[in-house]
Amino acid sequence: MAENRRIRAKADSRETGRIGKRGTLVIPARLRRRFGIEEGALVVVEARDDGVLIRPAVALPLEVYSPRRRAEFLLNNAASPAGYRLARRAVRKMGLDPDAIPHERLAGA
């Protein structure tokens, strides 16, 4: 009985799509709604032995830090006076003046 429900549920999740010009795939509206796939959305397409797996993808913005911002991180994240001195040295190696970078000076450093 449970096996019959599982087979029926599997059959209910199947839909027929269509391949168009240039390999575009038309995913049925019901499945697009179910998985939150909208026009222009990114998907991951994975080759499998038995076919192709298509799933929604997530793209996160990548922040690229300037040398000045990296220097600020180094100086603000020092956990000890010795670490702060190392951070100042690293900032100087970056060609920047540690005193010109806005940061909280570590007490005792």
PDB file of N, CA and C in Angstrom:
ATOM      1  N   MET A   1       0.821  -1.194   0.000  1.00  0.00           N
ATOM      2  CA  MET A   1       0.000   0.000   0.000  1.00  0.00           C
ATOM      3  C   MET A   1       0.873   1.270   0.000  1.00  0.00           C
ATOM      4  N   ALA A   2       1.851   1.326   0.936  1.00  0.00           N
ATOM      5  CA  ALA A   2       2.754   2.479   0.987  1.00  0.00           C
ATOM      6  C   ALA A   2       3.575   2.561  -0.295  1.00  0.00           C
ATOM      7  N   GLU A   3       3.935   1.399  -0.826  1.00  0.00           N
ATOM      8  CA  GLU A   3       4.705   1.352  -2.075  1.00  0.00           C
ATOM      9  C   GLU A   3       3.899   1.968  -3.219  1.00  0.00           C
ATOM     10  N   ASN A   4       2.609   1.688  -3.284  1.00  0.00           N
ATOM     11  CA  ASN A   4       1.738   2.259  -4.320  1.00  0.00           C
ATOM     12  C   ASN A   4       1.684   3.778  -4.219  1.00  0.00           C
ATOM     13  N   ARG A   5       1.600   4.296  -2.965  1.00  0.00           N
ATOM     14  CA  ARG A   5       1.569   5.759  -2.776  1.00  0.00           C
ATOM     15  C   ARG A   5       2.886   6.383  -3.230  1.00  0.00           C
ATOM     16  N   ARG A   6       3.997   5.701  -2.928  1.00  0.00           N
ATOM     17  CA  ARG A   6       5.303   6.217  -3.314  1.00  0.00           C
ATOM     18  C   ARG A   6       5.434   6.256  -4.840  1.00  0.00           C
ATOM     19  N   ILE A   7       4.976   5.221  -5.514  1.00  0.00           N
ATOM     20  CA  ILE A   7       5.025   5.171  -6.980  1.00  0.00           C
ATOM     21  C   ILE A   7       4.133   6.258  -7.566  1.00  0.00           C
ATOM     22  N   ARG A   8       2.927   6.435  -6.998  1.00  0.00           N
ATOM     23  CA  ARG A   8       2.011   7.469  -7.476  1.00  0.00           C
ATOM     24  C   ARG A   8       2.603   8.858  -7.254  1.00  0.00           C
ATOM     25  N   ALA A   9       3.224   9.098  -6.094  1.00  0.00           N
ATOM     26  CA  ALA A   9       3.825  10.400  -5.803  1.00  0.00           C
ATOM     27  C   ALA A   9       4.957  10.687  -6.781  1.00  0.00           C
ATOM     28  N   LYS A  10       5.738   9.670  -7.088  1.00  0.00           N
ATOM     29  CA  LYS A  10       6.828   9.843  -8.042  1.00  0.00           C
ATOM     30  C   LYS A  10       6.277  10.184  -9.422  1.00  0.00           C
ATOM     31  N   ALA A  11       5.223   9.503  -9.821  1.00  0.00           N
ATOM     32  CA  ALA A  11       4.603   9.761 -11.124  1.00  0.00           C
ATOM     33  C   ALA A  11       3.993  11.153 -11.169  1.00  0.00           C
ATOM     34  N   ASP A  12       3.420  11.624 -10.041  1.00  0.00           N
ATOM     35  CA  ASP A  12       2.819  12.957  -9.995  1.00  0.00           C
ATOM     36  C   ASP A  12       3.870  14.056 -10.132  1.00  0.00           C
ATOM     37  N   SER A  13       5.117  13.797  -9.766  1.00  0.00           N
ATOM     38  CA  SER A  13       6.150  14.824  -9.832  1.00  0.00           C
ATOM     39  C   SER A  13       6.791  14.906 -11.217  1.00  0.00           C
ATOM     40  N   ARG A  14       6.412  14.023 -12.105  1.00  0.00           N
ATOM     41  CA  ARG A  14       6.980  14.040 -13.457  1.00  0.00           C
ATOM     42  C   ARG A  14       6.167  14.942 -14.369  1.00  0.00           C
ATOM     43  N   GLU A  15       6.875  15.704 -15.132  1.00  0.00           N
ATOM     44  CA  GLU A  15       6.255  16.587 -16.116  1.00  0.00           C
ATOM     45  C   GLU A  15       7.056  16.463 -17.401  1.00  0.00           C
ATOM     46  N   THR A  16       6.475  16.856 -18.486  1.00  0.00           N
ATOM     47  CA  THR A  16       7.181  16.836 -19.759  1.00  0.00           C
ATOM     48  C   THR A  16       7.567  18.254 -20.124  1.00  0.00           C
ATOM     49  N   GLY A  17       8.857  18.441 -20.403  1.00  0.00           N
ATOM     50  CA  GLY A  17       9.348  19.733 -20.863  1.00  0.00           C
ATOM     51  C   GLY A  17       9.633  19.629 -22.349  1.00  0.00           C
ATOM     52  N   ARG A  18      10.088  20.700 -22.924  1.00  0.00           N
ATOM     53  CA  ARG A  18      10.366  20.698 -24.355  1.00  0.00           C
ATOM     54  C   ARG A  18      11.695  21.410 -24.590  1.00  0.00           C
ATOM     55  N   ILE A  19      12.503  20.845 -25.474  1.00  0.00           N
ATOM     56  CA  ILE A  19      13.760  21.463 -25.862  1.00  0.00           C
ATOM     57  C   ILE A  19      13.511  22.297 -27.106  1.00  0.00           C
ATOM     58  N   GLY A  20      13.892  23.574 -27.026  1.00  0.00           N
ATOM     59  CA  GLY A  20      13.689  24.484 -28.145  1.00  0.00           C
ATOM     60  C   GLY A  20      14.977  24.732 -28.900  1.00  0.00           C
ATOM     61  N   LYS A  21      14.950  25.760 -29.720  1.00  0.00           N
ATOM     62  CA  LYS A  21      16.133  26.142 -30.495  1.00  0.00           C
ATOM     63  C   LYS A  21      17.281  26.450 -29.545  1.00  0.00           C
ATOM     64  N   ARG A  22      18.475  26.199 -29.979  1.00  0.00           N
ATOM     65  CA  ARG A  22      19.697  26.459 -29.222  1.00  0.00           C
ATOM     66  C   ARG A  22      19.725  25.745 -27.870  1.00  0.00           C
ATOM     67  N   GLY A  23      18.958  24.668 -27.731  1.00  0.00           N
ATOM     68  CA  GLY A  23      19.013  23.856 -26.513  1.00  0.00           C
ATOM     69  C   GLY A  23      18.250  24.407 -25.328  1.00  0.00           C
ATOM     70  N   THR A  24      17.408  25.408 -25.532  1.00  0.00           N
ATOM     71  CA  THR A  24      16.642  25.939 -24.412  1.00  0.00           C
ATOM     72  C   THR A  24      15.631  24.895 -23.932  1.00  0.00           C
ATOM     73  N   LEU A  25      15.467  24.819 -22.634  1.00  0.00           N
ATOM     74  CA  LEU A  25      14.531  23.871 -22.043  1.00  0.00           C
ATOM     75  C   LEU A  25      13.357  24.626 -21.465  1.00  0.00           C
ATOM     76  N   VAL A  26      12.160  24.222 -21.810  1.00  0.00           N
ATOM     77  CA  VAL A  26      10.959  24.814 -21.239  1.00  0.00           C
ATOM     78  C   VAL A  26      10.551  23.929 -20.067  1.00  0.00           C
ATOM     79  N   ILE A  27      10.656  24.470 -18.863  1.00  0.00           N
ATOM     80  CA  ILE A  27      10.267  23.743 -17.659  1.00  0.00           C
ATOM     81  C   ILE A  27       8.813  24.073 -17.385  1.00  0.00           C
ATOM     82  N   PRO A  28       7.973  23.063 -17.166  1.00  0.00           N
ATOM     83  CA  PRO A  28       6.552  23.315 -16.922  1.00  0.00           C
ATOM     84  C   PRO A  28       6.333  24.299 -15.761  1.00  0.00           C
ATOM     85  N   ALA A  29       5.325  25.141 -15.911  1.00  0.00           N
ATOM     86  CA  ALA A  29       5.038  26.209 -14.946  1.00  0.00           C
ATOM     87  C   ALA A  29       4.860  25.675 -13.532  1.00  0.00           C
ATOM     88  N   ARG A  30       4.201  24.547 -13.394  1.00  0.00           N
ATOM     89  CA  ARG A  30       3.953  23.998 -12.054  1.00  0.00           C
ATOM     90  C   ARG A  30       5.277  23.702 -11.337  1.00  0.00           C
ATOM     91  N   LEU A  31       6.236  23.168 -12.057  1.00  0.00           N
ATOM     92  CA  LEU A  31       7.538  22.874 -11.442  1.00  0.00           C
ATOM     93  C   LEU A  31       8.329  24.155 -11.189  1.00  0.00           C
ATOM     94  N   ARG A  32       8.230  25.125 -12.089  1.00  0.00           N
ATOM     95  CA  ARG A  32       8.922  26.410 -11.856  1.00  0.00           C
ATOM     96  C   ARG A  32       8.391  27.071 -10.592  1.00  0.00           C
ATOM     97  N   ARG A  33       7.079  27.066 -10.424  1.00  0.00           N
ATOM     98  CA  ARG A  33       6.487  27.659  -9.213  1.00  0.00           C
ATOM     99  C   ARG A  33       6.924  26.889  -7.968  1.00  0.00           C
ATOM    100  N   ARG A  34       6.876  25.575  -8.047  1.00  0.00           N
ATOM    101  CA  ARG A  34       7.207  24.719  -6.902  1.00  0.00           C
ATOM    102  C   ARG A  34       8.631  24.965  -6.411  1.00  0.00           C
ATOM    103  N   PHE A  35       9.562  25.169  -7.351  1.00  0.00           N
ATOM    104  CA  PHE A  35      10.959  25.317  -6.970  1.00  0.00           C
ATOM    105  C   PHE A  35      11.460  26.756  -7.049  1.00  0.00           C
ATOM    106  N   GLY A  36      10.554  27.704  -7.277  1.00  0.00           N
ATOM    107  CA  GLY A  36      10.923  29.119  -7.274  1.00  0.00           C
ATOM    108  C   GLY A  36      11.853  29.518  -8.404  1.00  0.00           C
ATOM    109  N   ILE A  37      11.688  28.879  -9.550  1.00  0.00           N
ATOM    110  CA  ILE A  37      12.529  29.203 -10.705  1.00  0.00           C
ATOM    111  C   ILE A  37      11.790  30.214 -11.570  1.00  0.00           C
ATOM    112  N   GLU A  38      12.353  31.417 -11.659  1.00  0.00           N
ATOM    113  CA  GLU A  38      11.732  32.477 -12.449  1.00  0.00           C
ATOM    114  C   GLU A  38      12.594  32.762 -13.678  1.00  0.00           C
ATOM    115  N   GLU A  39      12.044  33.525 -14.595  1.00  0.00           N
ATOM    116  CA  GLU A  39      12.791  33.883 -15.800  1.00  0.00           C
ATOM    117  C   GLU A  39      14.112  34.540 -15.413  1.00  0.00           C
ATOM    118  N   GLY A  40      15.181  34.090 -16.009  1.00  0.00           N
ATOM    119  CA  GLY A  40      16.499  34.638 -15.729  1.00  0.00           C
ATOM    120  C   GLY A  40      17.189  34.021 -14.521  1.00  0.00           C
ATOM    121  N   ALA A  41      16.497  33.111 -13.819  1.00  0.00           N
ATOM    122  CA  ALA A  41      17.087  32.483 -12.633  1.00  0.00           C
ATOM    123  C   ALA A  41      18.240  31.562 -13.029  1.00  0.00           C
ATOM    124  N   LEU A  42      19.188  31.435 -12.136  1.00  0.00           N
ATOM    125  CA  LEU A  42      20.306  30.530 -12.358  1.00  0.00           C
ATOM    126  C   LEU A  42      19.925  29.121 -11.936  1.00  0.00           C
ATOM    127  N   VAL A  43      20.399  28.140 -12.684  1.00  0.00           N
ATOM    128  CA  VAL A  43      20.203  26.745 -12.325  1.00  0.00           C
ATOM    129  C   VAL A  43      21.538  26.010 -12.453  1.00  0.00           C
ATOM    130  N   VAL A  44      21.671  24.941 -11.703  1.00  0.00           N
ATOM    131  CA  VAL A  44      22.828  24.067 -11.815  1.00  0.00           C
ATOM    132  C   VAL A  44      22.401  22.897 -12.693  1.00  0.00           C
ATOM    133  N   VAL A  45      23.185  22.602 -13.717  1.00  0.00           N
ATOM    134  CA  VAL A  45      22.890  21.493 -14.617  1.00  0.00           C
ATOM    135  C   VAL A  45      24.006  20.471 -14.429  1.00  0.00           C
ATOM    136  N   GLU A  46      23.600  19.277 -13.997  1.00  0.00           N
ATOM    137  CA  GLU A  46      24.583  18.250 -13.640  1.00  0.00           C
ATOM    138  C   GLU A  46      24.355  16.986 -14.457  1.00  0.00           C
ATOM    139  N   ALA A  47      25.425  16.486 -15.069  1.00  0.00           N
ATOM    140  CA  ALA A  47      25.343  15.238 -15.828  1.00  0.00           C
ATOM    141  C   ALA A  47      25.310  14.074 -14.846  1.00  0.00           C
ATOM    142  N   ARG A  48      24.390  13.176 -15.051  1.00  0.00           N
ATOM    143  CA  ARG A  48      24.276  11.954 -14.253  1.00  0.00           C
ATOM    144  C   ARG A  48      24.317  10.772 -15.199  1.00  0.00           C
ATOM    145  N   ASP A  49      24.585   9.589 -14.678  1.00  0.00           N
ATOM    146  CA  ASP A  49      24.611   8.396 -15.527  1.00  0.00           C
ATOM    147  C   ASP A  49      23.269   8.161 -16.206  1.00  0.00           C
ATOM    148  N   ASP A  50      22.188   8.487 -15.498  1.00  0.00           N
ATOM    149  CA  ASP A  50      20.852   8.212 -16.034  1.00  0.00           C
ATOM    150  C   ASP A  50      20.176   9.424 -16.661  1.00  0.00           C
ATOM    151  N   GLY A  51      20.875  10.547 -16.785  1.00  0.00           N
ATOM    152  CA  GLY A  51      20.261  11.724 -17.400  1.00  0.00           C
ATOM    153  C   GLY A  51      20.897  13.014 -16.919  1.00  0.00           C
ATOM    154  N   VAL A  52      20.100  14.059 -16.887  1.00  0.00           N
ATOM    155  CA  VAL A  52      20.571  15.387 -16.504  1.00  0.00           C
ATOM    156  C   VAL A  52      19.747  15.850 -15.311  1.00  0.00           C
ATOM    157  N   LEU A  53      20.423  16.347 -14.284  1.00  0.00           N
ATOM    158  CA  LEU A  53      19.747  16.883 -13.101  1.00  0.00           C
ATOM    159  C   LEU A  53      19.817  18.403 -13.174  1.00  0.00           C
ATOM    160  N   ILE A  54      18.667  19.066 -13.047  1.00  0.00           N
ATOM    161  CA  ILE A  54      18.594  20.528 -13.061  1.00  0.00           C
ATOM    162  C   ILE A  54      18.018  20.965 -11.724  1.00  0.00           C
ATOM    163  N   ARG A  55      18.746  21.852 -11.036  1.00  0.00           N
ATOM    164  CA  ARG A  55      18.244  22.355  -9.758  1.00  0.00           C
ATOM    165  C   ARG A  55      18.508  23.851  -9.635  1.00  0.00           C
ATOM    166  N   PRO A  56      17.705  24.532  -8.819  1.00  0.00           N
ATOM    167  CA  PRO A  56      17.917  25.967  -8.630  1.00  0.00           C
ATOM    168  C   PRO A  56      19.309  26.224  -8.053  1.00  0.00           C
ATOM    169  N   ALA A  57      19.914  27.328  -8.440  1.00  0.00           N
ATOM    170  CA  ALA A  57      21.226  27.717  -7.929  1.00  0.00           C
ATOM    171  C   ALA A  57      21.104  29.046  -7.209  1.00  0.00           C
ATOM    172  N   VAL A  58      22.048  29.290  -6.346  1.00  0.00           N
ATOM    173  CA  VAL A  58      22.093  30.555  -5.626  1.00  0.00           C
ATOM    174  C   VAL A  58      23.418  31.224  -5.949  1.00  0.00           C
ATOM    175  N   ALA A  59      23.368  32.472  -6.344  1.00  0.00           N
ATOM    176  CA  ALA A  59      24.586  33.241  -6.601  1.00  0.00           C
ATOM    177  C   ALA A  59      24.681  34.330  -5.538  1.00  0.00           C
ATOM    178  N   LEU A  60      25.772  34.338  -4.831  1.00  0.00           N
ATOM    179  CA  LEU A  60      25.984  35.344  -3.806  1.00  0.00           C
ATOM    180  C   LEU A  60      26.968  36.379  -4.319  1.00  0.00           C
ATOM    181  N   PRO A  61      26.713  37.636  -4.033  1.00  0.00           N
ATOM    182  CA  PRO A  61      27.648  38.660  -4.488  1.00  0.00           C
ATOM    183  C   PRO A  61      28.996  38.494  -3.792  1.00  0.00           C
ATOM    184  N   LEU A  62      30.032  38.722  -4.524  1.00  0.00           N
ATOM    185  CA  LEU A  62      31.380  38.612  -3.994  1.00  0.00           C
ATOM    186  C   LEU A  62      31.919  40.010  -3.772  1.00  0.00           C
ATOM    187  N   GLU A  63      32.349  40.269  -2.544  1.00  0.00           N
ATOM    188  CA  GLU A  63      32.897  41.588  -2.245  1.00  0.00           C
ATOM    189  C   GLU A  63      34.412  41.511  -2.392  1.00  0.00           C
ATOM    190  N   VAL A  64      34.970  42.399  -3.163  1.00  0.00           N
ATOM    191  CA  VAL A  64      36.411  42.464  -3.346  1.00  0.00           C
ATOM    192  C   VAL A  64      36.911  43.635  -2.500  1.00  0.00           C
ATOM    193  N   TYR A  65      37.820  43.332  -1.586  1.00  0.00           N
ATOM    194  CA  TYR A  65      38.300  44.361  -0.671  1.00  0.00           C
ATOM    195  C   TYR A  65      39.544  45.063  -1.214  1.00  0.00           C
ATOM    196  N   SER A  66      39.563  46.350  -1.047  1.00  0.00           N
ATOM    197  CA  SER A  66      40.731  47.143  -1.435  1.00  0.00           C
ATOM    198  C   SER A  66      41.846  46.887  -0.410  1.00  0.00           C
ATOM    199  N   PRO A  67      43.091  47.192  -0.760  1.00  0.00           N
ATOM    200  CA  PRO A  67      44.177  47.035   0.215  1.00  0.00           C
ATOM    201  C   PRO A  67      43.916  47.835   1.501  1.00  0.00           C
ATOM    202  N   ARG A  68      43.352  49.010   1.346  1.00  0.00           N
ATOM    203  CA  ARG A  68      43.052  49.843   2.525  1.00  0.00           C
ATOM    204  C   ARG A  68      42.034  49.159   3.437  1.00  0.00           C
ATOM    205  N   ARG A  69      41.012  48.546   2.855  1.00  0.00           N
ATOM    206  CA  ARG A  69      39.986  47.858   3.655  1.00  0.00           C
ATOM    207  C   ARG A  69      40.576  46.613   4.317  1.00  0.00           C
ATOM    208  N   ARG A  70      41.457  45.887   3.601  1.00  0.00           N
ATOM    209  CA  ARG A  70      42.110  44.713   4.187  1.00  0.00           C
ATOM    210  C   ARG A  70      42.988  45.141   5.369  1.00  0.00           C
ATOM    211  N   ALA A  71      43.648  46.275   5.212  1.00  0.00           N
ATOM    212  CA  ALA A  71      44.481  46.798   6.295  1.00  0.00           C
ATOM    213  C   ALA A  71      43.619  47.124   7.512  1.00  0.00           C
ATOM    214  N   GLU A  72      42.462  47.696   7.269  1.00  0.00           N
ATOM    215  CA  GLU A  72      41.543  48.017   8.371  1.00  0.00           C
ATOM    216  C   GLU A  72      41.129  46.740   9.107  1.00  0.00           C
ATOM    217  N   PHE A  73      40.821  45.682   8.354  1.00  0.00           N
ATOM    218  CA  PHE A  73      40.473  44.401   8.980  1.00  0.00           C
ATOM    219  C   PHE A  73      41.625  43.887   9.842  1.00  0.00           C
ATOM    220  N   LEU A  74      42.830  43.915   9.288  1.00  0.00           N
ATOM    221  CA  LEU A  74      43.993  43.421  10.031  1.00  0.00           C
ATOM    222  C   LEU A  74      44.157  44.169  11.356  1.00  0.00           C
ATOM    223  N   LEU A  75      44.093  45.472  11.294  1.00  0.00           N
ATOM    224  CA  LEU A  75      44.321  46.283  12.492  1.00  0.00           C
ATOM    225  C   LEU A  75      43.197  46.127  13.517  1.00  0.00           C
ATOM    226  N   ASN A  76      41.963  46.069  13.065  1.00  0.00           N
ATOM    227  CA  ASN A  76      40.831  45.969  13.991  1.00  0.00           C
ATOM    228  C   ASN A  76      40.649  44.576  14.585  1.00  0.00           C
ATOM    229  N   ASN A  77      41.202  43.554  13.947  1.00  0.00           N
ATOM    230  CA  ASN A  77      40.981  42.189  14.429  1.00  0.00           C
ATOM    231  C   ASN A  77      42.143  41.616  15.216  1.00  0.00           C
ATOM    232  N   ALA A  78      43.145  42.426  15.509  1.00  0.00           N
ATOM    233  CA  ALA A  78      44.255  41.955  16.333  1.00  0.00           C
ATOM    234  C   ALA A  78      43.721  41.661  17.732  1.00  0.00           C
ATOM    235  N   ALA A  79      44.114  40.511  18.291  1.00  0.00           N
ATOM    236  CA  ALA A  79      43.574  40.085  19.580  1.00  0.00           C
ATOM    237  C   ALA A  79      44.547  40.300  20.735  1.00  0.00           C
ATOM    238  N   SER A  80      45.760  40.671  20.428  1.00  0.00           N
ATOM    239  CA  SER A  80      46.750  40.876  21.482  1.00  0.00           C
ATOM    240  C   SER A  80      47.694  41.991  21.042  1.00  0.00           C
ATOM    241  N   PRO A  81      48.440  42.536  21.987  1.00  0.00           N
ATOM    242  CA  PRO A  81      49.417  43.562  21.591  1.00  0.00           C
ATOM    243  C   PRO A  81      50.417  43.037  20.563  1.00  0.00           C
ATOM    244  N   ALA A  82      50.863  41.797  20.728  1.00  0.00           N
ATOM    245  CA  ALA A  82      51.804  41.215  19.760  1.00  0.00           C
ATOM    246  C   ALA A  82      51.127  41.080  18.399  1.00  0.00           C
ATOM    247  N   GLY A  83      49.867  40.671  18.374  1.00  0.00           N
ATOM    248  CA  GLY A  83      49.115  40.550  17.124  1.00  0.00           C
ATOM    249  C   GLY A  83      48.918  41.901  16.454  1.00  0.00           C
ATOM    250  N   TYR A  84      48.698  42.933  17.272  1.00  0.00           N
ATOM    251  CA  TYR A  84      48.528  44.286  16.738  1.00  0.00           C
ATOM    252  C   TYR A  84      49.828  44.764  16.089  1.00  0.00           C
ATOM    253  N   ARG A  85      50.961  44.467  16.742  1.00  0.00           N
ATOM    254  CA  ARG A  85      52.253  44.862  16.154  1.00  0.00           C
ATOM    255  C   ARG A  85      52.480  44.128  14.832  1.00  0.00           C
ATOM    256  N   LEU A  86      52.130  42.852  14.784  1.00  0.00           N
ATOM    257  CA  LEU A  86      52.236  42.082  13.537  1.00  0.00           C
ATOM    258  C   LEU A  86      51.330  42.661  12.451  1.00  0.00           C
ATOM    259  N   ALA A  87      50.124  43.073  12.841  1.00  0.00           N
ATOM    260  CA  ALA A  87      49.177  43.656  11.883  1.00  0.00           C
ATOM    261  C   ALA A  87      49.732  44.960  11.320  1.00  0.00           C
ATOM    262  N   ARG A  88      50.316  45.786  12.192  1.00  0.00           N
ATOM    263  CA  ARG A  88      50.912  47.051  11.728  1.00  0.00           C
ATOM    264  C   ARG A  88      52.038  46.769  10.737  1.00  0.00           C
ATOM    265  N   ARG A  89      52.856  45.751  11.050  1.00  0.00           N
ATOM    266  CA  ARG A  89      53.950  45.390  10.153  1.00  0.00           C
ATOM    267  C   ARG A  89      53.399  44.922   8.799  1.00  0.00           C
ATOM    268  N   ALA A  90      52.334  44.120   8.828  1.00  0.00           N
ATOM    269  CA  ALA A  90      51.728  43.617   7.586  1.00  0.00           C
ATOM    270  C   ALA A  90      51.153  44.765   6.755  1.00  0.00           C
ATOM    271  N   VAL A  91      50.561  45.745   7.429  1.00  0.00           N
ATOM    272  CA  VAL A  91      49.993  46.903   6.726  1.00  0.00           C
ATOM    273  C   VAL A  91      51.113  47.699   6.063  1.00  0.00           C
ATOM    274  N   ARG A  92      52.228  47.856   6.741  1.00  0.00           N
ATOM    275  CA  ARG A  92      53.365  48.565   6.138  1.00  0.00           C
ATOM    276  C   ARG A  92      53.881  47.808   4.918  1.00  0.00           C
ATOM    277  N   LYS A  93      53.900  46.469   4.997  1.00  0.00           N
ATOM    278  CA  LYS A  93      54.332  45.660   3.845  1.00  0.00           C
ATOM    279  C   LYS A  93      53.395  45.847   2.656  1.00  0.00           C
ATOM    280  N   MET A  94      52.149  46.211   2.941  1.00  0.00           N
ATOM    281  CA  MET A  94      51.184  46.475   1.869  1.00  0.00           C
ATOM    282  C   MET A  94      51.417  47.845   1.245  1.00  0.00           C
ATOM    283  N   GLY A  95      52.362  48.591   1.796  1.00  0.00           N
ATOM    284  CA  GLY A  95      52.672  49.922   1.275  1.00  0.00           C
ATOM    285  C   GLY A  95      51.768  51.001   1.846  1.00  0.00           C
ATOM    286  N   LEU A  96      51.131  50.713   2.989  1.00  0.00           N
ATOM    287  CA  LEU A  96      50.218  51.674   3.611  1.00  0.00           C
ATOM    288  C   LEU A  96      50.740  52.091   4.977  1.00  0.00           C
ATOM    289  N   ASP A  97      50.339  53.265   5.406  1.00  0.00           N
ATOM    290  CA  ASP A  97      50.686  53.766   6.735  1.00  0.00           C
ATOM    291  C   ASP A  97      49.589  53.330   7.707  1.00  0.00           C
ATOM    292  N   PRO A  98      49.913  52.508   8.706  1.00  0.00           N
ATOM    293  CA  PRO A  98      48.889  52.047   9.651  1.00  0.00           C
ATOM    294  C   PRO A  98      48.190  53.190  10.381  1.00  0.00           C
ATOM    295  N   ASP A  99      48.893  54.289  10.615  1.00  0.00           N
ATOM    296  CA  ASP A  99      48.283  55.415  11.325  1.00  0.00           C
ATOM    297  C   ASP A  99      47.274  56.164  10.463  1.00  0.00           C
ATOM    298  N   ALA A 100      47.311  55.953   9.141  1.00  0.00           N
ATOM    299  CA  ALA A 100      46.367  56.617   8.238  1.00  0.00           C
ATOM    300  C   ALA A 100      45.104  55.762   8.018  1.00  0.00           C
ATOM    301  N   ILE A 101      45.095  54.566   8.580  1.00  0.00           N
ATOM    302  CA  ILE A 101      43.947  53.666   8.432  1.00  0.00           C
ATOM    303  C   ILE A 101      43.049  53.822   9.650  1.00  0.00           C
ATOM    304  N   PRO A 102      41.745  54.116   9.457  1.00  0.00           N
ATOM    305  CA  PRO A 102      40.866  54.242  10.620  1.00  0.00           C
ATOM    306  C   PRO A 102      40.708  52.876  11.313  1.00  0.00           C
ATOM    307  N   HIS A 103      41.051  52.840  12.604  1.00  0.00           N
ATOM    308  CA  HIS A 103      40.910  51.601  13.378  1.00  0.00           C
ATOM    309  C   HIS A 103      40.981  51.913  14.861  1.00  0.00           C
ATOM    310  N   GLU A 104      40.569  50.935  15.653  1.00  0.00           N
ATOM    311  CA  GLU A 104      40.655  51.055  17.113  1.00  0.00           C
ATOM    312  C   GLU A 104      42.035  50.551  17.543  1.00  0.00           C
ATOM    313  N   ARG A 105      42.804  51.390  18.170  1.00  0.00           N
ATOM    314  CA  ARG A 105      44.118  50.963  18.643  1.00  0.00           C
ATOM    315  C   ARG A 105      43.931  50.002  19.812  1.00  0.00           C
ATOM    316  N   LEU A 106      44.690  48.941  19.769  1.00  0.00           N
ATOM    317  CA  LEU A 106      44.623  47.940  20.845  1.00  0.00           C
ATOM    318  C   LEU A 106      45.383  48.471  22.065  1.00  0.00           C
ATOM    319  N   ALA A 107      44.754  48.438  23.236  1.00  0.00           N
ATOM    320  CA  ALA A 107      45.382  48.927  24.450  1.00  0.00           C
ATOM    321  C   ALA A 107      46.633  48.102  24.751  1.00  0.00           C
ATOM    322  N   GLY A 108      47.692  48.776  25.139  1.00  0.00           N
ATOM    323  CA  GLY A 108      48.934  48.098  25.492  1.00  0.00           C
ATOM    324  C   GLY A 108      49.827  47.804  24.308  1.00  0.00           C
ATOM    325  N   ALA A 109      49.414  48.229  23.122  1.00  0.00           N
ATOM    326  CA  ALA A 109      50.255  47.945  21.947  1.00  0.00           C
ATOM    327  C   ALA A 109      51.093  49.135  21.579  1.00  0.00           C
TER     328      ALA A 109
END
